[in-house]
């Protein structure tokens, strides 16, 4: 009877030991899961901060490019206005030169006609 009792005691002792070990392993696994969860949260927060920083940087670069393009557009607009004024001035100058040329051609034609008439009179 003592032997049975001793055997039962050892079995219970062994079962309690195994239960304690299982609970210890379970607790270790839970702690490890919690640590991994905390690490995931930290990584996620770090990546979100990095993402926001990159988005802010891109937004700043985009705005700088937009401003640069606006400045270039204004400069090109001024250049187009200046070139248009130059073209108008040159067209006016060409028009004036053409009128002078036509006037001189008419004067030349008149002088040639007059010379021709005078030669005809002299010949008569």
PDB file of N, CA and C in Angstrom:
ATOM      1  N   UNK A   1       0.823  -1.175   0.000  1.00  0.00           N
ATOM      2  CA  UNK A   1       0.000   0.000   0.000  1.00  0.00           C
ATOM      3  C   UNK A   1       0.874   1.247   0.000  1.00  0.00           C
ATOM      4  N   UNK A   2       1.914   1.168   0.822  1.00  0.00           N
ATOM      5  CA  UNK A   2       2.843   2.299   0.847  1.00  0.00           C
ATOM      6  C   UNK A   2       3.508   2.464  -0.508  1.00  0.00           C
ATOM      7  N   UNK A   3       3.790   1.327  -1.114  1.00  0.00           N
ATOM      8  CA  UNK A   3       4.435   1.362  -2.415  1.00  0.00           C
ATOM      9  C   UNK A   3       3.478   1.975  -3.449  1.00  0.00           C
ATOM     10  N   UNK A   4       2.203   1.618  -3.400  1.00  0.00           N
ATOM     11  CA  UNK A   4       1.211   2.186  -4.309  1.00  0.00           C
ATOM     12  C   UNK A   4       1.073   3.673  -4.048  1.00  0.00           C
ATOM     13  N   UNK A   5       1.041   3.980  -2.778  1.00  0.00           N
ATOM     14  CA  UNK A   5       0.916   5.394  -2.405  1.00  0.00           C
ATOM     15  C   UNK A   5       2.133   6.163  -2.893  1.00  0.00           C
ATOM     16  N   UNK A   6       3.290   5.588  -2.698  1.00  0.00           N
ATOM     17  CA  UNK A   6       4.530   6.231  -3.126  1.00  0.00           C
ATOM     18  C   UNK A   6       4.549   6.361  -4.645  1.00  0.00           C
ATOM     19  N   UNK A   7       4.088   5.314  -5.339  1.00  0.00           N
ATOM     20  CA  UNK A   7       4.045   5.331  -6.794  1.00  0.00           C
ATOM     21  C   UNK A   7       3.053   6.395  -7.277  1.00  0.00           C
ATOM     22  N   UNK A   8       1.878   6.459  -6.640  1.00  0.00           N
ATOM     23  CA  UNK A   8       0.878   7.464  -7.006  1.00  0.00           C
ATOM     24  C   UNK A   8       1.414   8.860  -6.725  1.00  0.00           C
ATOM     25  N   UNK A   9       2.104   9.011  -5.603  1.00  0.00           N
ATOM     26  CA  UNK A   9       2.696  10.310  -5.256  1.00  0.00           C
ATOM     27  C   UNK A   9       3.705  10.733  -6.321  1.00  0.00           C
ATOM     28  N   UNK A  10       4.551   9.800  -6.743  1.00  0.00           N
ATOM     29  CA  UNK A  10       5.549  10.093  -7.770  1.00  0.00           C
ATOM     30  C   UNK A  10       4.882  10.460  -9.101  1.00  0.00           C
ATOM     31  N   UNK A  11       3.797   9.742  -9.427  1.00  0.00           N
ATOM     32  CA  UNK A  11       3.070  10.049 -10.659  1.00  0.00           C
ATOM     33  C   UNK A  11       2.475  11.457 -10.601  1.00  0.00           C
ATOM     34  N   UNK A  12       1.862  11.767  -9.433  1.00  0.00           N
ATOM     35  CA  UNK A  12       1.275  13.103  -9.268  1.00  0.00           C
ATOM     36  C   UNK A  12       2.379  14.143  -9.314  1.00  0.00           C
ATOM     37  N   UNK A  13       3.505  13.836  -8.629  1.00  0.00           N
ATOM     38  CA  UNK A  13       4.652  14.767  -8.609  1.00  0.00           C
ATOM     39  C   UNK A  13       5.158  14.988 -10.035  1.00  0.00           C
ATOM     40  N   UNK A  14       5.265  13.900 -10.799  1.00  0.00           N
ATOM     41  CA  UNK A  14       5.728  13.990 -12.187  1.00  0.00           C
ATOM     42  C   UNK A  14       4.729  14.788 -13.028  1.00  0.00           C
ATOM     43  N   UNK A  15       3.430  14.554 -12.834  1.00  0.00           N
ATOM     44  CA  UNK A  15       2.393  15.270 -13.583  1.00  0.00           C
ATOM     45  C   UNK A  15       2.429  16.755 -13.246  1.00  0.00           C
ATOM     46  N   UNK A  16       2.608  17.091 -11.951  1.00  0.00           N
ATOM     47  CA  UNK A  16       2.690  18.498 -11.535  1.00  0.00           C
ATOM     48  C   UNK A  16       3.918  19.140 -12.166  1.00  0.00           C
ATOM     49  N   UNK A  17       5.043  18.396 -12.157  1.00  0.00           N
ATOM     50  CA  UNK A  17       6.281  18.931 -12.758  1.00  0.00           C
ATOM     51  C   UNK A  17       6.075  19.198 -14.244  1.00  0.00           C
ATOM     52  N   UNK A  18       5.446  18.243 -14.944  1.00  0.00           N
ATOM     53  CA  UNK A  18       5.215  18.413 -16.384  1.00  0.00           C
ATOM     54  C   UNK A  18       4.258  19.580 -16.641  1.00  0.00           C
ATOM     55  N   UNK A  19       3.242  19.720 -15.792  1.00  0.00           N
ATOM     56  CA  UNK A  19       2.295  20.830 -15.928  1.00  0.00           C
ATOM     57  C   UNK A  19       3.003  22.156 -15.707  1.00  0.00           C
ATOM     58  N   UNK A  20       3.870  22.217 -14.679  1.00  0.00           N
ATOM     59  CA  UNK A  20       4.620  23.451 -14.406  1.00  0.00           C
ATOM     60  C   UNK A  20       5.542  23.787 -15.575  1.00  0.00           C
ATOM     61  N   UNK A  21       6.197  22.749 -16.136  1.00  0.00           N
ATOM     62  CA  UNK A  21       7.084  22.984 -17.288  1.00  0.00           C
ATOM     63  C   UNK A  21       6.275  23.474 -18.498  1.00  0.00           C
ATOM     64  N   UNK A  22       5.118  22.867 -18.698  1.00  0.00           N
ATOM     65  CA  UNK A  22       4.260  23.269 -19.818  1.00  0.00           C
ATOM     66  C   UNK A  22       3.786  24.706 -19.623  1.00  0.00           C
ATOM     67  N   UNK A  23       3.381  25.035 -18.381  1.00  0.00           N
ATOM     68  CA  UNK A  23       2.957  26.412 -18.102  1.00  0.00           C
ATOM     69  C   UNK A  23       4.113  27.387 -18.282  1.00  0.00           C
ATOM     70  N   UNK A  24       5.317  26.953 -17.850  1.00  0.00           N
ATOM     71  CA  UNK A  24       6.497  27.811 -18.022  1.00  0.00           C
ATOM     72  C   UNK A  24       6.776  28.054 -19.506  1.00  0.00           C
ATOM     73  N   UNK A  25       6.715  26.994 -20.304  1.00  0.00           N
ATOM     74  CA  UNK A  25       6.941  27.117 -21.748  1.00  0.00           C
ATOM     75  C   UNK A  25       5.859  27.990 -22.382  1.00  0.00           C
ATOM     76  N   UNK A  26       4.630  27.803 -21.912  1.00  0.00           N
ATOM     77  CA  UNK A  26       3.522  28.607 -22.433  1.00  0.00           C
ATOM     78  C   UNK A  26       3.757  30.082 -22.100  1.00  0.00           C
ATOM     79  N   UNK A  27       4.180  30.358 -20.855  1.00  0.00           N
ATOM     80  CA  UNK A  27       4.457  31.737 -20.443  1.00  0.00           C
ATOM     81  C   UNK A  27       5.599  32.319 -21.264  1.00  0.00           C
ATOM     82  N   UNK A  28       6.660  31.508 -21.474  1.00  0.00           N
ATOM     83  CA  UNK A  28       7.777  31.970 -22.311  1.00  0.00           C
ATOM     84  C   UNK A  28       7.291  32.308 -23.724  1.00  0.00           C
ATOM     85  N   UNK A  29       6.439  31.431 -24.266  1.00  0.00           N
ATOM     86  CA  UNK A  29       5.920  31.665 -25.620  1.00  0.00           C
ATOM     87  C   UNK A  29       5.057  32.921 -25.660  1.00  0.00           C
ATOM     88  N   UNK A  30       4.234  33.144 -24.645  1.00  0.00           N
ATOM     89  CA  UNK A  30       3.400  34.351 -24.585  1.00  0.00           C
ATOM     90  C   UNK A  30       4.257  35.605 -24.484  1.00  0.00           C
ATOM     91  N   UNK A  31       5.300  35.537 -23.633  1.00  0.00           N
ATOM     92  CA  UNK A  31       6.209  36.687 -23.495  1.00  0.00           C
ATOM     93  C   UNK A  31       6.896  36.955 -24.820  1.00  0.00           C
ATOM     94  N   UNK A  32       7.347  35.872 -25.484  1.00  0.00           N
ATOM     95  CA  UNK A  32       8.013  36.032 -26.779  1.00  0.00           C
ATOM     96  C   UNK A  32       7.052  36.637 -27.808  1.00  0.00           C
ATOM     97  N   UNK A  33       5.800  36.163 -27.820  1.00  0.00           N
ATOM     98  CA  UNK A  33       4.794  36.723 -28.738  1.00  0.00           C
ATOM     99  C   UNK A  33       4.570  38.208 -28.450  1.00  0.00           C
ATOM    100  N   UNK A  34       4.501  38.558 -27.176  1.00  0.00           N
ATOM    101  CA  UNK A  34       4.303  39.951 -26.811  1.00  0.00           C
ATOM    102  C   UNK A  34       5.494  40.805 -27.253  1.00  0.00           C
ATOM    103  N   UNK A  35       6.710  40.263 -27.069  1.00  0.00           N
ATOM    104  CA  UNK A  35       7.902  40.990 -27.512  1.00  0.00           C
ATOM    105  C   UNK A  35       7.890  41.172 -29.023  1.00  0.00           C
ATOM    106  N   UNK A  36       7.521  40.115 -29.749  1.00  0.00           N
ATOM    107  CA  UNK A  36       7.444  40.219 -31.210  1.00  0.00           C
ATOM    108  C   UNK A  36       6.373  41.223 -31.625  1.00  0.00           C
ATOM    109  N   UNK A  37       5.235  41.208 -30.917  1.00  0.00           N
ATOM    110  CA  UNK A  37       4.177  42.178 -31.215  1.00  0.00           C
ATOM    111  C   UNK A  37       4.660  43.601 -30.987  1.00  0.00           C
ATOM    112  N   UNK A  38       5.371  43.820 -29.869  1.00  0.00           N
ATOM    113  CA  UNK A  38       5.917  45.145 -29.586  1.00  0.00           C
ATOM    114  C   UNK A  38       6.942  45.561 -30.642  1.00  0.00           C
ATOM    115  N   UNK A  39       7.771  44.604 -31.067  1.00  0.00           N
ATOM    116  CA  UNK A  39       8.767  44.896 -32.105  1.00  0.00           C
ATOM    117  C   UNK A  39       8.070  45.254 -33.417  1.00  0.00           C
ATOM    118  N   UNK A  40       7.018  44.532 -33.752  1.00  0.00           N
ATOM    119  CA  UNK A  40       6.262  44.830 -34.983  1.00  0.00           C
ATOM    120  C   UNK A  40       5.667  46.230 -34.898  1.00  0.00           C
ATOM    121  N   UNK A  41       5.116  46.583 -33.734  1.00  0.00           N
ATOM    122  CA  UNK A  41       4.534  47.915 -33.559  1.00  0.00           C
ATOM    123  C   UNK A  41       5.614  48.988 -33.722  1.00  0.00           C
ATOM    124  N   UNK A  42       6.788  48.765 -33.094  1.00  0.00           N
ATOM    125  CA  UNK A  42       7.882  49.736 -33.227  1.00  0.00           C
ATOM    126  C   UNK A  42       8.334  49.875 -34.677  1.00  0.00           C
ATOM    127  N   UNK A  43       8.468  48.732 -35.368  1.00  0.00           N
ATOM    128  CA  UNK A  43       8.879  48.769 -36.777  1.00  0.00           C
ATOM    129  C   UNK A  43       7.835  49.499 -37.630  1.00  0.00           C
ATOM    130  N   UNK A  44       6.570  49.210 -37.363  1.00  0.00           N
ATOM    131  CA  UNK A  44       5.500  49.863 -38.115  1.00  0.00           C
ATOM    132  C   UNK A  44       5.536  51.370 -37.890  1.00  0.00           C
ATOM    133  N   UNK A  45       5.690  51.805 -36.634  1.00  0.00           N
ATOM    134  CA  UNK A  45       5.746  53.236 -36.332  1.00  0.00           C
ATOM    135  C   UNK A  45       6.950  53.885 -36.987  1.00  0.00           C
ATOM    136  N   UNK A  46       8.100  53.184 -36.964  1.00  0.00           N
ATOM    137  CA  UNK A  46       9.304  53.722 -37.605  1.00  0.00           C
ATOM    138  C   UNK A  46       9.086  53.857 -39.113  1.00  0.00           C
ATOM    139  N   UNK A  47       8.493  52.821 -39.724  1.00  0.00           N
ATOM    140  CA  UNK A  47       8.246  52.862 -41.167  1.00  0.00           C
ATOM    141  C   UNK A  47       7.217  53.930 -41.529  1.00  0.00           C
ATOM    142  N   UNK A  48       6.207  54.111 -40.686  1.00  0.00           N
ATOM    143  CA  UNK A  48       5.222  55.170 -40.944  1.00  0.00           C
ATOM    144  C   UNK A  48       5.876  56.544 -40.861  1.00  0.00           C
ATOM    145  N   UNK A  49       6.750  56.733 -39.846  1.00  0.00           N
ATOM    146  CA  UNK A  49       7.456  58.020 -39.746  1.00  0.00           C
ATOM    147  C   UNK A  49       8.337  58.251 -40.969  1.00  0.00           C
ATOM    148  N   UNK A  50       9.006  57.199 -41.402  1.00  0.00           N
ATOM    149  CA  UNK A  50       9.863  57.309 -42.585  1.00  0.00           C
ATOM    150  C   UNK A  50       9.020  57.611 -43.825  1.00  0.00           C
ATOM    151  N   UNK A  51       7.867  56.951 -43.931  1.00  0.00           N
ATOM    152  CA  UNK A  51       6.970  57.198 -45.060  1.00  0.00           C
ATOM    153  C   UNK A  51       6.498  58.649 -45.069  1.00  0.00           C
ATOM    154  N   UNK A  52       6.073  59.147 -43.903  1.00  0.00           N
ATOM    155  CA  UNK A  52       5.615  60.537 -43.826  1.00  0.00           C
ATOM    156  C   UNK A  52       6.749  61.502 -44.160  1.00  0.00           C
ATOM    157  N   UNK A  53       7.957  61.180 -43.682  1.00  0.00           N
ATOM    158  CA  UNK A  53       9.102  62.043 -43.988  1.00  0.00           C
ATOM    159  C   UNK A  53       9.366  62.060 -45.497  1.00  0.00           C
ATOM    160  N   UNK A  54       9.289  60.877 -46.138  1.00  0.00           N
ATOM    161  CA  UNK A  54       9.502  60.804 -47.582  1.00  0.00           C
ATOM    162  C   UNK A  54       8.398  61.541 -48.340  1.00  0.00           C
ATOM    163  N   UNK A  55       7.162  61.408 -47.849  1.00  0.00           N
ATOM    164  CA  UNK A  55       6.056  62.112 -48.504  1.00  0.00           C
ATOM    165  C   UNK A  55       6.224  63.621 -48.366  1.00  0.00           C
ATOM    166  N   UNK A  56       6.646  64.083 -47.191  1.00  0.00           N
ATOM    167  CA  UNK A  56       6.899  65.514 -47.010  1.00  0.00           C
ATOM    168  C   UNK A  56       8.022  65.987 -47.920  1.00  0.00           C
ATOM    169  N   UNK A  57       9.070  65.167 -48.002  1.00  0.00           N
ATOM    170  CA  UNK A  57      10.211  65.516 -48.863  1.00  0.00           C
ATOM    171  C   UNK A  57       9.754  65.609 -50.319  1.00  0.00           C
ATOM    172  N   UNK A  58       8.973  64.620 -50.768  1.00  0.00           N
ATOM    173  CA  UNK A  58       8.470  64.620 -52.149  1.00  0.00           C
ATOM    174  C   UNK A  58       7.559  65.827 -52.390  1.00  0.00           C
ATOM    175  N   UNK A  59       6.724  66.130 -51.405  1.00  0.00           N
ATOM    176  CA  UNK A  59       5.833  67.285 -51.550  1.00  0.00           C
ATOM    177  C   UNK A  59       6.654  68.566 -51.680  1.00  0.00           C
ATOM    178  N   UNK A  60       7.712  68.679 -50.873  1.00  0.00           N
ATOM    179  CA  UNK A  60       8.585  69.851 -50.961  1.00  0.00           C
ATOM    180  C   UNK A  60       9.269  69.938 -52.310  1.00  0.00           C
ATOM    181  N   UNK A  61       9.773  68.796 -52.781  1.00  0.00           N
ATOM    182  CA  UNK A  61      10.430  68.773 -54.093  1.00  0.00           C
ATOM    183  C   UNK A  61       9.435  69.117 -55.199  1.00  0.00           C
ATOM    184  N   UNK A  62       8.227  68.578 -55.086  1.00  0.00           N
ATOM    185  CA  UNK A  62       7.186  68.850 -56.086  1.00  0.00           C
ATOM    186  C   UNK A  62       6.858  70.341 -56.117  1.00  0.00           C
ATOM    187  N   UNK A  63       6.744  70.943 -54.938  1.00  0.00           N
ATOM    188  CA  UNK A  63       6.447  72.375 -54.856  1.00  0.00           C
ATOM    189  C   UNK A  63       7.594  73.196 -55.440  1.00  0.00           C
ATOM    190  N   UNK A  64       8.840  72.778 -55.138  1.00  0.00           N
ATOM    191  CA  UNK A  64      10.005  73.496 -55.683  1.00  0.00           C
ATOM    192  C   UNK A  64      10.016  73.405 -57.208  1.00  0.00           C
ATOM    193  N   UNK A  65       9.711  72.236 -57.730  1.00  0.00           N
ATOM    194  CA  UNK A  65       9.670  72.066 -59.192  1.00  0.00           C
ATOM    195  C   UNK A  65       8.544  72.902 -59.782  1.00  0.00           C
ATOM    196  N   UNK A  66       7.396  72.921 -59.090  1.00  0.00           N
ATOM    197  CA  UNK A  66       6.268  73.720 -59.568  1.00  0.00           C
ATOM    198  C   UNK A  66       6.653  75.202 -59.627  1.00  0.00           C
ATOM    199  N   UNK A  67       7.336  75.683 -58.591  1.00  0.00           N
ATOM    200  CA  UNK A  67       7.773  77.079 -58.566  1.00  0.00           C
ATOM    201  C   UNK A  67       8.786  77.349 -59.677  1.00  0.00           C
ATOM    202  N   UNK A  68       9.704  76.413 -59.862  1.00  0.00           N
ATOM    203  CA  UNK A  68      10.710  76.576 -60.915  1.00  0.00           C
ATOM    204  C   UNK A  68      10.054  76.618 -62.292  1.00  0.00           C
ATOM    205  N   UNK A  69       9.067  75.734 -62.506  1.00  0.00           N
ATOM    206  CA  UNK A  69       8.371  75.713 -63.788  1.00  0.00           C
ATOM    207  C   UNK A  69       7.581  77.015 -63.986  1.00  0.00           C
ATOM    208  N   UNK A  70       6.989  77.512 -62.915  1.00  0.00           N
ATOM    209  CA  UNK A  70       6.242  78.771 -63.003  1.00  0.00           C
ATOM    210  C   UNK A  70       7.185  79.900 -63.390  1.00  0.00           C
ATOM    211  N   UNK A  71       8.376  79.924 -62.767  1.00  0.00           N
ATOM    212  CA  UNK A  71       9.367  80.962 -63.072  1.00  0.00           C
ATOM    213  C   UNK A  71       9.827  80.847 -64.530  1.00  0.00           C
ATOM    214  N   UNK A  72      10.103  79.614 -64.972  1.00  0.00           N
ATOM    215  CA  UNK A  72      10.523  79.409 -66.362  1.00  0.00           C
ATOM    216  C   UNK A  72       9.419  79.830 -67.334  1.00  0.00           C
ATOM    217  N   UNK A  73       8.168  79.505 -66.986  1.00  0.00           N
ATOM    218  CA  UNK A  73       7.044  79.875 -67.843  1.00  0.00           C
ATOM    219  C   UNK A  73       6.943  81.402 -67.950  1.00  0.00           C
ATOM    220  N   UNK A  74       7.120  82.088 -66.828  1.00  0.00           N
ATOM    221  CA  UNK A  74       7.079  83.553 -66.844  1.00  0.00           C
ATOM    222  C   UNK A  74       8.224  84.120 -67.678  1.00  0.00           C
ATOM    223  N   UNK A  75       9.430  83.530 -67.519  1.00  0.00           N
ATOM    224  CA  UNK A  75      10.577  83.999 -68.309  1.00  0.00           C
ATOM    225  C   UNK A  75      10.335  83.778 -69.795  1.00  0.00           C
ATOM    226  N   UNK A  76       9.793  82.607 -70.140  1.00  0.00           N
ATOM    227  CA  UNK A  76       9.503  82.327 -71.550  1.00  0.00           C
ATOM    228  C   UNK A  76       8.421  83.251 -72.083  1.00  0.00           C
ATOM    229  N   UNK A  77       7.446  83.554 -71.241  1.00  0.00           N
ATOM    230  CA  UNK A  77       6.390  84.472 -71.652  1.00  0.00           C
ATOM    231  C   UNK A  77       6.971  85.848 -71.953  1.00  0.00           C
ATOM    232  N   UNK A  78       7.858  86.316 -71.076  1.00  0.00           N
ATOM    233  CA  UNK A  78       8.515  87.604 -71.313  1.00  0.00           C
ATOM    234  C   UNK A  78       9.364  87.570 -72.582  1.00  0.00           C
ATOM    235  N   UNK A  79      10.037  86.440 -72.804  1.00  0.00           N
ATOM    236  CA  UNK A  79      10.861  86.304 -74.003  1.00  0.00           C
ATOM    237  C   UNK A  79       9.987  86.318 -75.256  1.00  0.00           C
ATOM    238  N   UNK A  80       8.832  85.638 -75.200  1.00  0.00           N
ATOM    239  CA  UNK A  80       7.914  85.622 -76.343  1.00  0.00           C
ATOM    240  C   UNK A  80       7.404  87.034 -76.617  1.00  0.00           C
ATOM    241  N   UNK A  81       7.061  87.759 -75.557  1.00  0.00           N
ATOM    242  CA  UNK A  81       6.591  89.148 -75.731  1.00  0.00           C
ATOM    243  C   UNK A  81       7.683  89.986 -76.372  1.00  0.00           C
ATOM    244  N   UNK A  82       8.917  89.834 -75.862  1.00  0.00           N
ATOM    245  CA  UNK A  82      10.044  90.598 -76.405  1.00  0.00           C
ATOM    246  C   UNK A  82      10.272  90.249 -77.878  1.00  0.00           C
ATOM    247  N   UNK A  83      10.233  88.949 -78.190  1.00  0.00           N
ATOM    248  CA  UNK A  83      10.442  88.536 -79.582  1.00  0.00           C
ATOM    249  C   UNK A  83       9.288  89.008 -80.466  1.00  0.00           C
ATOM    250  N   UNK A  84       8.088  89.001 -79.957  1.00  0.00           N
ATOM    251  CA  UNK A  84       6.937  89.497 -80.730  1.00  0.00           C
ATOM    252  C   UNK A  84       7.103  90.978 -81.026  1.00  0.00           C
ATOM    253  N   UNK A  85       7.565  91.719 -80.032  1.00  0.00           N
ATOM    254  CA  UNK A  85       7.815  93.152 -80.245  1.00  0.00           C
ATOM    255  C   UNK A  85       8.911  93.353 -81.277  1.00  0.00           C
ATOM    256  N   UNK A  86       9.968  92.516 -81.199  1.00  0.00           N
ATOM    257  CA  UNK A  86      11.056  92.612 -82.184  1.00  0.00           C
ATOM    258  C   UNK A  86      10.532  92.311 -83.586  1.00  0.00           C
ATOM    259  N   UNK A  87       9.691  91.274 -83.694  1.00  0.00           N
ATOM    260  CA  UNK A  87       9.127  90.916 -85.003  1.00  0.00           C
ATOM    261  C   UNK A  87       8.274  92.066 -85.535  1.00  0.00           C
ATOM    262  N   UNK A  88       7.437  92.646 -84.676  1.00  0.00           N
ATOM    263  CA  UNK A  88       6.582  93.761 -85.106  1.00  0.00           C
ATOM    264  C   UNK A  88       7.436  94.940 -85.555  1.00  0.00           C
ATOM    265  N   UNK A  89       8.506  95.224 -84.788  1.00  0.00           N
ATOM    266  CA  UNK A  89       9.398  96.328 -85.144  1.00  0.00           C
ATOM    267  C   UNK A  89      10.087  96.049 -86.476  1.00  0.00           C
ATOM    268  N   UNK A  90      10.555  94.804 -86.665  1.00  0.00           N
ATOM    269  CA  UNK A  90      11.232  94.458 -87.915  1.00  0.00           C
ATOM    270  C   UNK A  90      10.256  94.460 -89.093  1.00  0.00           C
ATOM    271  N   UNK A  91       9.025  94.023 -88.860  1.00  0.00           N
ATOM    272  CA  UNK A  91       8.027  94.067 -89.930  1.00  0.00           C
ATOM    273  C   UNK A  91       7.732  95.513 -90.322  1.00  0.00           C
ATOM    274  N   UNK A  92       7.622  96.386 -89.330  1.00  0.00           N
ATOM    275  CA  UNK A  92       7.383  97.806 -89.618  1.00  0.00           C
ATOM    276  C   UNK A  92       8.561  98.386 -90.387  1.00  0.00           C
ATOM    277  N   UNK A  93       9.775  98.011 -89.964  1.00  0.00           N
ATOM    278  CA  UNK A  93      10.976  98.497 -90.643  1.00  0.00           C
ATOM    279  C   UNK A  93      11.009  97.969 -92.079  1.00  0.00           C
ATOM    280  N   UNK A  94      10.645  96.689 -92.274  1.00  0.00           N
ATOM    281  CA  UNK A  94      10.619  96.098 -93.609  1.00  0.00           C
ATOM    282  C   UNK A  94       9.581  96.820 -94.475  1.00  0.00           C
ATOM    283  N   UNK A  95       8.427  97.095 -93.888  1.00  0.00           N
ATOM    284  CA  UNK A  95       7.376  97.812 -94.601  1.00  0.00           C
ATOM    285  C   UNK A  95       7.881  99.186 -95.057  1.00  0.00           C
ATOM    286  N   UNK A  96       8.541  99.905 -94.145  1.00  0.00           N
ATOM    287  CA  UNK A  96       9.081 101.234 -94.464  1.00  0.00           C
ATOM    288  C   UNK A  96      10.122 101.132 -95.581  1.00  0.00           C
ATOM    289  N   UNK A  97      11.015 100.142 -95.466  1.00  0.00           N
ATOM    290  CA  UNK A  97      12.058  99.965 -96.488  1.00  0.00           C
ATOM    291  C   UNK A  97      11.417  99.606 -97.829  1.00  0.00           C
ATOM    292  N   UNK A  98      10.378  98.791 -97.807  1.00  0.00           N
ATOM    293  CA  UNK A  98       9.712  98.419 -99.059  1.00  0.00           C
ATOM    294  C   UNK A  98       9.045  99.646 -99.688  1.00  0.00           C
ATOM    295  N   UNK A  99       8.406 100.485 -98.842  1.00  0.00           N
ATOM    296  CA  UNK A  99       7.799 101.709 -99.381  1.00  0.00           C
ATOM    297  C   UNK A  99       8.878 102.613 -99.995  1.00  0.00           C
ATOM    298  N   UNK A 100      10.006 102.747 -99.283  1.00  0.00           N
ATOM    299  CA  UNK A 100      11.096 103.581 -99.809  1.00  0.00           C
ATOM    300  C   UNK A 100      11.611 103.005-101.120  1.00  0.00           C
ATOM    301  N   UNK A 101      11.747 101.660-101.159  1.00  0.00           N
ATOM    302  CA  UNK A 101      12.226 100.998-102.379  1.00  0.00           C
ATOM    303  C   UNK A 101      11.249 101.265-103.526  1.00  0.00           C
ATOM    304  N   UNK A 102       9.946 101.106-103.249  1.00  0.00           N
ATOM    305  CA  UNK A 102       8.945 101.346-104.292  1.00  0.00           C
ATOM    306  C   UNK A 102       8.972 102.811-104.728  1.00  0.00           C
ATOM    307  N   UNK A 103       9.142 103.713-103.785  1.00  0.00           N
ATOM    308  CA  UNK A 103       9.209 105.132-104.109  1.00  0.00           C
ATOM    309  C   UNK A 103      10.428 105.419-104.994  1.00  0.00           C
ATOM    310  N   UNK A 104      11.552 104.840-104.603  1.00  0.00           N
ATOM    311  CA  UNK A 104      12.779 105.048-105.395  1.00  0.00           C
ATOM    312  C   UNK A 104      12.626 104.408-106.776  1.00  0.00           C
ATOM    313  N   UNK A 105      12.010 103.220-106.831  1.00  0.00           N
ATOM    314  CA  UNK A 105      11.777 102.576-108.136  1.00  0.00           C
ATOM    315  C   UNK A 105      10.862 103.444-109.003  1.00  0.00           C
ATOM    316  N   UNK A 106       9.832 104.025-108.378  1.00  0.00           N
ATOM    317  CA  UNK A 106       8.932 104.902-109.130  1.00  0.00           C
ATOM    318  C   UNK A 106       9.675 106.139-109.616  1.00  0.00           C
ATOM    319  N   UNK A 107      10.521 106.706-108.728  1.00  0.00           N
ATOM    320  CA  UNK A 107      11.309 107.877-109.129  1.00  0.00           C
ATOM    321  C   UNK A 107      12.246 107.500-110.273  1.00  0.00           C
ATOM    322  N   UNK A 108      12.874 106.320-110.160  1.00  0.00           N
ATOM    323  CA  UNK A 108      13.779 105.842-111.213  1.00  0.00           C
ATOM    324  C   UNK A 108      13.017 105.648-112.512  1.00  0.00           C
ATOM    325  N   UNK A 109      11.842 105.029-112.389  1.00  0.00           N
ATOM    326  CA  UNK A 109      11.018 104.806-113.579  1.00  0.00           C
ATOM    327  C   UNK A 109      10.628 106.152-114.209  1.00  0.00           C
ATOM    328  N   UNK A 110      10.254 107.098-113.337  1.00  0.00           N
ATOM    329  CA  UNK A 110       9.894 108.431-113.836  1.00  0.00           C
ATOM    330  C   UNK A 110      11.089 109.098-114.510  1.00  0.00           C
ATOM    331  N   UNK A 111      12.258 108.969-113.876  1.00  0.00           N
ATOM    332  CA  UNK A 111      13.468 109.580-114.451  1.00  0.00           C
ATOM    333  C   UNK A 111      13.814 108.914-115.772  1.00  0.00           C
ATOM    334  N   UNK A 112      13.656 107.591-115.847  1.00  0.00           N
ATOM    335  CA  UNK A 112      13.956 106.872-117.094  1.00  0.00           C
ATOM    336  C   UNK A 112      12.975 107.283-118.192  1.00  0.00           C
ATOM    337  N   UNK A 113      11.697 107.424-117.786  1.00  0.00           N
ATOM    338  CA  UNK A 113      10.700 107.859-118.761  1.00  0.00           C
ATOM    339  C   UNK A 113      11.020 109.268-119.261  1.00  0.00           C
ATOM    340  N   UNK A 114      11.388 110.124-118.304  1.00  0.00           N
ATOM    341  CA  UNK A 114      11.723 111.499-118.669  1.00  0.00           C
ATOM    342  C   UNK A 114      12.950 111.511-119.575  1.00  0.00           C
ATOM    343  N   UNK A 115      13.949 110.689-119.231  1.00  0.00           N
ATOM    344  CA  UNK A 115      15.166 110.605-120.032  1.00  0.00           C
ATOM    345  C   UNK A 115      14.829 110.074-121.424  1.00  0.00           C
ATOM    346  N   UNK A 116      13.974 109.103-121.465  1.00  0.00           N
ATOM    347  CA  UNK A 116      13.570 108.510-122.737  1.00  0.00           C
ATOM    348  C   UNK A 116      12.856 109.572-123.598  1.00  0.00           C
ATOM    349  N   UNK A 117      11.974 110.352-122.929  1.00  0.00           N
ATOM    350  CA  UNK A 117      11.247 111.398-123.640  1.00  0.00           C
ATOM    351  C   UNK A 117      12.221 112.465-124.148  1.00  0.00           C
ATOM    352  N   UNK A 118      13.160 112.816-123.315  1.00  0.00           N
ATOM    353  CA  UNK A 118      14.123 113.847-123.704  1.00  0.00           C
ATOM    354  C   UNK A 118      14.997 113.346-124.851  1.00  0.00           C
ATOM    355  N   UNK A 119      15.378 112.089-124.803  1.00  0.00           N
ATOM    356  CA  UNK A 119      16.187 111.520-125.879  1.00  0.00           C
ATOM    357  C   UNK A 119      15.372 111.496-127.199  1.00  0.00           C
ATOM    358  N   UNK A 120      14.084 111.205-127.022  1.00  0.00           N
ATOM    359  CA  UNK A 120      13.230 111.166-128.201  1.00  0.00           C
ATOM    360  C   UNK A 120      13.127 112.572-128.796  1.00  0.00           C
ATOM    361  N   UNK A 121      12.984 113.602-127.945  1.00  0.00           N
ATOM    362  CA  UNK A 121      12.891 114.977-128.400  1.00  0.00           C
ATOM    363  C   UNK A 121      14.218 115.410-129.034  1.00  0.00           C
ATOM    364  N   UNK A 122      15.307 115.017-128.414  1.00  0.00           N
ATOM    365  CA  UNK A 122      16.612 115.395-128.941  1.00  0.00           C
ATOM    366  C   UNK A 122      16.804 114.744-130.317  1.00  0.00           C
ATOM    367  N   UNK A 123      16.370 113.525-130.424  1.00  0.00           N
ATOM    368  CA  UNK A 123      16.516 112.799-131.665  1.00  0.00           C
ATOM    369  C   UNK A 123      15.673 113.451-132.755  1.00  0.00           C
ATOM    370  N   UNK A 124      14.494 113.999-132.407  1.00  0.00           N
ATOM    371  CA  UNK A 124      13.612 114.639-133.384  1.00  0.00           C
ATOM    372  C   UNK A 124      14.278 115.906-133.812  1.00  0.00           C
TER     373      UNK A 124
END
